[in-house]
Protein backbone atom coordinates (compact mmCIF):
# COMPACT_ATOMS: atom_id res chain seq x y z
CA MET A 1 6.66 243.69 316.96
CA GLU A 2 10.01 242.25 316.17
CA THR A 3 10.10 238.78 315.25
CA VAL A 4 12.50 236.16 316.34
CA VAL A 5 14.92 234.70 314.53
CA ASN A 6 16.24 230.77 315.20
CA GLN A 7 19.46 232.21 316.87
CA GLY A 8 17.65 233.74 319.45
CA LEU A 9 18.43 236.96 318.29
CA SER A 10 15.75 239.45 316.78
CA VAL A 11 15.80 240.66 313.40
CA ARG A 12 16.57 244.59 314.86
CA LYS A 13 19.47 243.26 316.53
CA ARG A 14 20.76 241.58 313.74
CA ASN A 15 20.53 244.28 311.60
CA GLU A 16 22.40 246.48 314.21
CA LEU A 17 25.15 243.60 314.43
CA ARG A 18 25.65 243.49 310.54
CA ARG A 19 25.79 247.19 310.42
CA PHE A 20 28.09 247.10 313.13
CA GLY A 21 30.02 244.52 311.46
CA PHE A 22 30.35 246.17 307.84
CA SER A 23 31.12 249.75 309.84
CA PHE A 24 33.94 248.38 311.85
CA GLY A 25 35.51 245.91 309.25
CA ALA A 26 35.23 248.72 306.97
CA GLY A 27 37.55 251.12 309.44
CA MET A 28 39.89 247.75 310.08
CA ALA A 29 40.36 248.39 306.12
CA ILE A 30 40.75 252.20 305.90
CA LEU A 31 43.33 251.54 308.88
CA VAL A 32 45.43 249.01 306.78
CA VAL A 33 45.23 250.91 303.51
CA VAL A 34 46.64 254.21 305.72
CA GLY A 35 48.99 251.52 306.94
CA LEU A 36 50.34 250.49 303.86
CA TRP A 37 50.21 253.77 302.75
CA LYS A 38 52.28 255.87 305.39
CA GLU A 39 54.51 252.85 306.24
CA PHE A 40 53.24 251.48 309.58
CA GLY A 41 54.78 249.18 310.96
CA SER A 42 53.38 245.45 310.52
CA TRP A 43 52.36 245.35 314.47
CA VAL A 44 48.82 248.09 313.01
CA ILE A 45 48.73 246.15 309.47
CA ILE A 46 48.09 242.65 309.78
CA PRO A 47 45.83 242.65 313.49
CA ALA A 48 44.17 245.52 311.58
CA GLY A 49 43.70 243.25 308.40
CA LEU A 50 42.33 240.31 310.53
CA LEU A 51 39.87 242.61 312.52
CA SER A 52 38.40 243.16 309.65
CA LEU A 53 38.26 240.23 307.75
CA PHE A 54 37.00 238.76 310.96
CA HIS A 55 34.50 241.24 310.97
CA PHE A 56 33.19 241.27 307.35
CA GLY A 57 33.15 237.53 307.65
CA CYS A 58 31.01 237.50 310.64
CA ALA A 59 28.77 240.22 309.52
CA LEU A 60 28.03 237.90 306.27
CA PHE A 61 28.07 234.31 307.89
CA ARG A 62 27.82 234.45 311.72
CA ILE A 63 26.20 237.68 313.32
CA GLU A 64 25.96 236.30 316.68
CA LEU A 65 29.85 236.41 316.80
CA LEU A 66 29.93 239.83 316.95
CA ARG A 67 28.41 240.32 320.08
CA PRO A 68 31.36 240.51 321.76
CA THR A 69 33.19 242.89 320.14
CA HIS A 70 29.75 244.98 319.82
CA SER A 71 29.48 245.02 323.59
CA ALA A 72 33.41 246.35 324.38
CA VAL A 73 33.24 248.78 321.50
CA SER A 74 29.48 250.54 322.72
CA PHE A 75 30.66 250.69 326.83
CA VAL A 76 33.92 252.19 325.13
CA GLY A 77 32.34 254.65 323.60
CA ALA A 78 29.52 255.53 326.23
CA VAL A 79 32.61 255.93 328.76
CA LEU A 80 34.44 258.14 326.27
CA GLY A 81 30.87 259.78 325.29
CA ARG A 82 30.70 260.50 328.96
CA ALA A 83 34.15 262.18 329.87
CA VAL A 84 34.93 263.86 326.36
CA THR A 85 31.07 265.49 327.40
CA ALA A 86 32.09 266.55 330.73
CA LEU A 87 35.05 267.86 329.34
CA VAL A 88 33.11 269.90 326.95
CA PHE A 89 30.86 271.31 329.05
CA THR A 90 33.27 272.17 331.62
CA LEU A 91 35.58 274.30 328.94
CA VAL A 92 32.29 276.15 327.87
CA PHE A 93 31.93 276.84 331.71
CA TYR A 94 34.99 277.99 332.20
CA LEU A 95 35.95 279.71 329.34
CA LEU A 96 32.83 281.50 328.44
CA PHE A 97 30.41 281.57 330.97
CA THR A 98 32.99 282.48 333.68
CA PRO A 99 34.60 285.53 331.82
CA ILE A 100 31.59 286.98 330.91
CA ALA A 101 30.00 286.94 334.65
CA VAL A 102 33.27 288.66 335.76
CA ILE A 103 33.52 291.13 333.11
CA LEU A 104 30.05 291.97 333.91
CA ARG A 105 30.85 291.99 337.49
CA LEU A 106 33.36 294.32 337.21
CA CYS A 107 31.09 296.76 334.50
CA LYS A 108 28.94 296.69 337.70
CA LYS A 109 26.13 295.45 335.94
CA ASP A 110 23.17 292.92 336.92
CA VAL A 111 21.64 291.36 334.64
CA ILE A 112 18.82 288.85 336.98
CA ALA A 113 18.39 292.88 338.83
CA ASN A 114 17.66 294.45 335.65
CA ASN A 115 14.80 292.16 334.27
CA SER A 116 13.03 291.71 337.64
CA ARG A 117 12.05 295.13 338.34
CA SER A 118 8.69 294.63 337.51
CA PRO A 119 6.88 291.34 337.76
CA ALA A 120 5.53 289.22 335.63
CA TRP A 121 2.90 287.97 337.37
CA ILE A 122 -0.43 287.39 335.60
CA PRO A 123 -3.89 288.32 338.05
CA ILE A 124 -6.02 285.55 338.88
CA PRO A 125 -9.24 285.89 339.79
CA GLU A 126 -9.85 283.82 343.12
CA ARG A 127 -12.27 281.94 341.51
CA GLN A 128 -9.76 280.38 338.95
CA ASN A 129 -7.54 279.74 341.68
CA ASP A 130 -9.68 277.78 344.02
CA PRO A 131 -7.63 273.61 344.08
CA GLU A 132 -11.34 272.30 344.26
CA ARG A 133 -11.66 273.43 340.43
CA VAL A 134 -8.71 271.23 339.68
CA ARG A 135 -9.45 268.32 341.89
CA ARG A 136 -11.46 265.82 339.08
CA LEU A 137 -9.97 267.37 335.59
CA PHE A 138 -10.74 263.96 333.79
C-alpha cells in the first residue's frame, strides 16, 4: 500500500518524478557539454543548461514542479513509440515477409498445404465430449 505524503503525491510517484528529474537534468547537462565541445550556438547551450539546472533543483527540493514536464515528455515518448513501432513493423513485413512469400509462390511451394495434409486431430470419446461434464467444474 502506498503512503501519501503531505504534497498529495504517493511515495512511488515522488520517486518516479525524482528519477525523471535527475535523468532529464543529466541528459540536458550532457547536451551542454557536447554543445561546448562541438561549439554549438548559445541558442542550444543556454536553454539546455537552464533546463538542466531546473530539473536538478526540482529533483532535490520541489518534486511536484516536475509533473508538467514529466507528463509532456511521457506523452511525446508514447506518440513517438507508437509511430516508430508502426514504421518498424511495416518495414519488417514488406521487406522481409513479402519477398519470402513471393519467392515461395514463384517456386510453387505452399507451406500451409504441406503442413495440413494429415489432420492433427486427437480422437476423443463421446462421453468426454459431453457438455454436461464441464457445466460445473468448480
